[in-house]
Amino acid sequence: MINLIKLSVGSESVESMTAWQASARAQGADGLPRHITRMWPKRAAEVLDGGSIYWVVKGVIQCRQPILRLDEVTGADGIPRCAIVLRPGPIPVVPTPKRPFQGWRYLRPDDAPRDTDPARVSEAKLPPELSVALAEIGVL
C-alpha cells in the first residue's frame, strides 16, 4: 500500500477544501469528490490497496481522504487525465509541516502522519501553526 500527498491549492482551511469538494464542479456523476490530475500513478495498484491522499493546507499536512478508485476522464482539450475519486469527508491527522512541491507525490505509510485520536476530534481546533509546534514537541 502507498499513499499520495498533494497541496490543496487555494484552500484556506480543511473546511474550505471540504466545501469545494461538495460543489458540483468537484464531483463526478456519482456525487463523490474527485481530484483531477494530468499524471496517472504508476503505482496505481498500491494506491488502490488502501491508500489515502494526504492534504497539505497552508503548509501543513492536516487531513487525509481514502482513495476509492482512479477514473480516466478526458478534458475539454481532448487529453486524458486521472480523476482520483475520494471518500467524502476528511480524516484529521496530526498536523505536520510540509514544504511546497508541485503535483502529487507518493507517501509511504511509515512517513504518513498518524490519524488524530478520535477522542480529540470534537475538541476546538487550534490554529495550524500552534498545532504544528505542539506536534513537533510530541504533545499532539
Protein backbone atom coordinates (compact mmCIF):
# COMPACT_ATOMS: atom_id res chain seq x y z
CA MET A 1 0.00 0.00 0.00
CA ILE A 2 1.16 3.51 -0.79
CA ASN A 3 -0.42 6.92 -0.21
CA LEU A 4 -0.38 10.14 -2.18
CA ILE A 5 0.30 13.62 -0.83
CA LYS A 6 -0.95 16.78 -2.52
CA LEU A 7 -1.14 20.51 -1.82
CA SER A 8 -4.71 21.74 -1.56
CA VAL A 9 -4.02 24.84 -3.63
CA GLY A 10 -6.34 27.73 -2.88
CA SER A 11 -7.71 26.23 0.34
CA GLU A 12 -7.57 28.43 3.40
CA SER A 13 -8.58 25.58 5.71
CA VAL A 14 -9.76 21.97 5.72
CA GLU A 15 -13.29 23.35 5.90
CA SER A 16 -12.84 25.41 2.73
CA MET A 17 -11.37 22.36 0.96
CA THR A 18 -14.37 20.28 2.09
CA ALA A 19 -16.77 22.98 0.87
CA TRP A 20 -15.08 22.96 -2.55
CA GLN A 21 -15.32 19.16 -2.72
CA ALA A 22 -19.06 19.41 -2.01
CA SER A 23 -19.56 21.60 -5.09
CA ALA A 24 -20.89 20.07 -8.31
CA ARG A 25 -17.72 21.10 -10.13
CA ALA A 26 -15.54 18.95 -7.87
CA GLN A 27 -17.73 15.86 -8.03
CA GLY A 28 -18.20 13.13 -10.56
CA ALA A 29 -21.55 11.86 -11.83
CA ASP A 30 -21.72 9.59 -8.77
CA GLY A 31 -21.57 12.59 -6.40
CA LEU A 32 -18.18 11.60 -4.99
CA PRO A 33 -15.41 14.20 -4.71
CA ARG A 34 -12.52 13.77 -7.08
CA HIS A 35 -9.24 15.43 -7.82
CA ILE A 36 -8.23 15.53 -11.46
CA THR A 37 -4.55 15.38 -12.29
CA ARG A 38 -2.54 15.08 -15.50
CA MET A 39 -0.47 12.15 -14.37
CA TRP A 40 -1.73 8.62 -13.72
CA PRO A 41 0.02 6.96 -10.75
CA LYS A 42 2.44 4.31 -11.99
CA ARG A 43 1.87 2.56 -8.65
CA ALA A 44 -1.93 2.56 -9.07
CA ALA A 45 -2.38 -0.97 -7.72
CA GLU A 46 -0.60 0.02 -4.48
CA VAL A 47 -2.58 3.27 -4.21
CA LEU A 48 -5.84 1.34 -4.62
CA ASP A 49 -4.80 -1.18 -1.96
CA GLY A 50 -5.98 1.04 0.92
CA GLY A 51 -4.11 4.26 0.10
CA SER A 52 -5.23 7.77 1.01
CA ILE A 53 -4.44 11.21 -0.29
CA TYR A 54 -2.91 13.39 2.42
CA TRP A 55 -3.79 17.05 2.01
CA VAL A 56 -1.37 19.87 2.70
CA VAL A 57 -3.29 23.02 3.61
CA LYS A 58 -1.33 26.21 4.28
CA GLY A 59 1.99 24.34 4.57
CA VAL A 60 0.69 21.71 6.99
CA ILE A 61 -0.50 18.14 6.37
CA GLN A 62 -3.88 18.39 8.10
CA CYS A 63 -6.07 15.54 6.86
CA ARG A 64 -6.39 12.57 4.58
CA GLN A 65 -9.08 11.01 2.43
CA PRO A 66 -9.17 7.34 1.40
CA ILE A 67 -8.84 6.81 -2.35
CA LEU A 68 -11.74 4.77 -3.71
CA ARG A 69 -10.71 4.44 -7.34
CA LEU A 70 -8.93 6.08 -10.26
CA ASP A 71 -11.09 7.06 -13.25
CA GLU A 72 -9.92 8.16 -16.65
CA VAL A 73 -11.51 11.45 -17.71
CA THR A 74 -10.97 13.46 -20.86
CA GLY A 75 -10.51 17.20 -20.57
CA ALA A 76 -12.05 19.80 -22.88
CA ASP A 77 -8.72 19.75 -24.72
CA GLY A 78 -9.15 16.04 -25.53
CA ILE A 79 -6.30 14.98 -23.25
CA PRO A 80 -6.96 12.01 -20.95
CA ARG A 81 -6.40 12.65 -17.25
CA CYS A 82 -6.67 10.78 -13.96
CA ALA A 83 -9.57 11.51 -11.61
CA ILE A 84 -8.65 10.43 -8.08
CA VAL A 85 -12.04 9.54 -6.58
CA LEU A 86 -12.17 10.11 -2.82
CA ARG A 87 -14.29 9.09 0.11
CA PRO A 88 -16.19 12.22 1.19
CA GLY A 89 -15.13 13.91 4.40
CA PRO A 90 -11.58 14.42 5.59
CA ILE A 91 -9.99 12.37 8.36
CA PRO A 92 -7.92 14.67 10.61
CA VAL A 93 -4.27 13.74 11.10
CA VAL A 94 -1.61 15.01 13.47
CA PRO A 95 -0.60 18.35 11.88
CA THR A 96 2.78 18.01 10.20
CA PRO A 97 4.65 20.79 8.38
CA LYS A 98 5.38 20.19 4.70
CA ARG A 99 7.31 22.35 2.29
CA PRO A 100 5.68 23.31 -1.01
CA PHE A 101 6.03 20.99 -4.00
CA GLN A 102 4.35 20.61 -7.36
CA GLY A 103 1.90 17.92 -8.33
CA TRP A 104 1.40 14.92 -6.08
CA ARG A 105 3.98 12.63 -4.55
CA TYR A 106 3.95 9.14 -3.12
CA LEU A 107 3.91 8.94 0.67
CA ARG A 108 4.99 5.73 2.38
CA PRO A 109 2.79 4.61 5.27
CA ASP A 110 5.77 4.89 7.64
CA ASP A 111 6.18 8.57 6.69
CA ALA A 112 2.49 9.49 6.89
CA PRO A 113 1.22 11.39 9.92
CA ARG A 114 -1.00 9.31 12.16
CA ASP A 115 -4.71 9.97 12.42
CA THR A 116 -5.84 12.30 15.18
CA ASP A 117 -7.07 10.44 18.24
CA PRO A 118 -10.86 10.09 17.73
CA ALA A 119 -11.41 11.27 21.32
CA ARG A 120 -9.81 14.61 20.36
CA VAL A 121 -11.69 15.24 17.10
CA SER A 122 -14.52 17.06 18.86
CA GLU A 123 -12.14 19.44 20.64
CA ALA A 124 -11.89 23.03 19.47
CA LYS A 125 -9.42 23.36 16.61
CA LEU A 126 -6.11 25.04 17.27
CA PRO A 127 -4.52 27.36 14.71
CA PRO A 128 -2.40 25.23 12.33
CA GLU A 129 0.83 26.96 13.44
CA LEU A 130 0.18 26.06 17.08
CA SER A 131 -0.81 22.50 16.17
CA VAL A 132 2.46 22.08 14.27
CA ALA A 133 4.51 23.45 17.16
CA LEU A 134 2.81 21.08 19.60
CA ALA A 135 3.23 18.11 17.26
CA GLU A 136 6.94 18.89 16.85
CA ILE A 137 7.50 18.60 20.59
CA GLY A 138 5.34 15.48 20.84
CA VAL A 139 2.30 16.92 22.61
CA LEU A 140 -0.26 16.06 19.88
